[in-house]
C-alpha atoms as a PDB file:
ATOM      1  CA  MET A   1      45.399-110.718  27.388  1.00  0.00           C
ATOM      2  CA  HIS A   2      46.747-107.784  29.494  1.00  0.00           C
ATOM      3  CA  LEU A   3      43.190-106.872  30.616  1.00  0.00           C
ATOM      4  CA  LEU A   4      42.489-110.456  31.662  1.00  0.00           C
ATOM      5  CA  VAL A   5      45.554-110.413  33.964  1.00  0.00           C
ATOM      6  CA  LYS A   6      44.492-107.149  35.556  1.00  0.00           C
ATOM      7  CA  ALA A   7      40.976-108.532  36.077  1.00  0.00           C
ATOM      8  CA  ALA A   8      42.422-111.754  37.597  1.00  0.00           C
ATOM      9  CA  ALA A   9      44.607-109.820  39.944  1.00  0.00           C
ATOM     10  CA  ALA A  10      41.738-107.622  41.085  1.00  0.00           C
ATOM     11  CA  LEU A  11      39.568-110.686  41.587  1.00  0.00           C
ATOM     12  CA  CYS A  12      42.238-112.481  43.661  1.00  0.00           C
ATOM     13  CA  ALA A  13      42.881-109.360  45.782  1.00  0.00           C
ATOM     14  CA  ALA A  14      39.141-108.974  46.478  1.00  0.00           C
ATOM     15  CA  ALA A  15      38.802-112.670  47.392  1.00  0.00           C
ATOM     16  CA  VAL A  16      41.789-112.424  49.914  1.00  0.00           C
ATOM     17  CA  VAL A  17      40.335-109.195  51.481  1.00  0.00           C
ATOM     18  CA  GLY A  18      36.858-110.588  51.597  1.00  0.00           C
ATOM     19  CA  THR A  19      37.999-113.803  53.296  1.00  0.00           C
ATOM     20  CA  TRP A  20      40.133-111.738  55.785  1.00  0.00           C
ATOM     21  CA  PHE A  21      37.170-109.527  56.544  1.00  0.00           C
ATOM     22  CA  LEU A  22      34.778-112.557  57.064  1.00  0.00           C
ATOM     23  CA  ASP A  23      37.312-114.007  59.481  1.00  0.00           C
ATOM     24  CA  GLU A  24      37.274-110.683  61.414  1.00  0.00           C
ATOM     25  CA  VAL A  25      33.395-110.779  61.495  1.00  0.00           C
ATOM     26  CA  LYS A  26      33.528-114.343  62.933  1.00  0.00           C
ATOM     27  CA  LYS A  27      36.100-113.347  65.568  1.00  0.00           C
ATOM     28  CA  ALA A  28      34.042-110.206  66.508  1.00  0.00           C
ATOM     29  CA  ARG A  29      30.860-112.358  66.841  1.00  0.00           C
ATOM     30  CA  SER A  30      32.614-114.925  68.992  1.00  0.00           C
ATOM     31  CA  ASN A  31      33.898-112.151  71.274  1.00  0.00           C
ATOM     32  CA  ASN A  32      30.578-110.405  71.523  1.00  0.00           C
ATOM     33  CA  ALA A  33      32.137-107.326  70.044  1.00  0.00           C
ATOM     34  CA  PRO A  34      29.882-104.441  68.756  1.00  0.00           C
ATOM     35  CA  TRP A  35      28.609-104.708  65.257  1.00  0.00           C
ATOM     36  CA  TYR A  36      31.110-102.149  63.930  1.00  0.00           C
ATOM     37  CA  ALA A  37      34.192-103.836  65.262  1.00  0.00           C
ATOM     38  CA  PRO A  38      34.989-105.689  61.962  1.00  0.00           C
ATOM     39  CA  TYR A  39      34.861-102.401  60.095  1.00  0.00           C
ATOM     40  CA  LEU A  40      37.616-100.939  62.318  1.00  0.00           C
ATOM     41  CA  SER A  41      39.940-103.867  61.568  1.00  0.00           C
ATOM     42  CA  PRO A  42      42.569-103.563  58.573  1.00  0.00           C
ATOM     43  CA  PRO A  43      40.422-105.402  56.050  1.00  0.00           C
ATOM     44  CA  GLY A  44      37.429-103.374  57.062  1.00  0.00           C
ATOM     45  CA  LEU A  45      39.244-100.120  56.562  1.00  0.00           C
ATOM     46  CA  ILE A  46      40.493-101.403  53.195  1.00  0.00           C
ATOM     47  CA  ILE A  47      36.942-102.159  52.148  1.00  0.00           C
ATOM     48  CA  LEU A  48      35.685 -98.800  53.415  1.00  0.00           C
ATOM     49  CA  ALA A  49      38.441 -97.026  51.615  1.00  0.00           C
ATOM     50  CA  ALA A  50      37.746 -98.785  48.340  1.00  0.00           C
ATOM     51  CA  LEU A  51      33.986 -97.999  48.646  1.00  0.00           C
ATOM     52  CA  SER A  52      34.741 -94.312  49.279  1.00  0.00           C
ATOM     53  CA  VAL A  53      36.988 -93.835  46.201  1.00  0.00           C
ATOM     54  CA  PRO A  54      33.975 -93.192  43.768  1.00  0.00           C
ATOM     55  CA  ILE A  55      32.618 -90.737  46.150  1.00  0.00           C
ATOM     56  CA  TRP A  56      35.977 -88.851  46.366  1.00  0.00           C
ATOM     57  CA  ILE A  57      36.343 -88.848  42.595  1.00  0.00           C
ATOM     58  CA  LYS A  58      32.840 -87.401  42.176  1.00  0.00           C
ATOM     59  CA  ILE A  59      33.374 -84.673  44.716  1.00  0.00           C
ATOM     60  CA  PHE A  60      36.896 -83.679  43.512  1.00  0.00           C
ATOM     61  CA  SER A  61      36.414 -83.839  39.723  1.00  0.00           C
END
């Protein structure tokens, strides 16, 4: 049961950050911003940080 709660929390957080990131992509496209602009926004940085965690674990372990 405890594992199910943890998985649900992670899934909800991923859904919120993903939706936030897609909103930033739509805003950047409507403003004719460069392709990398959404990645420099807060949700983009959260996603990049989450993707870099396995790399840092591999390097420093």
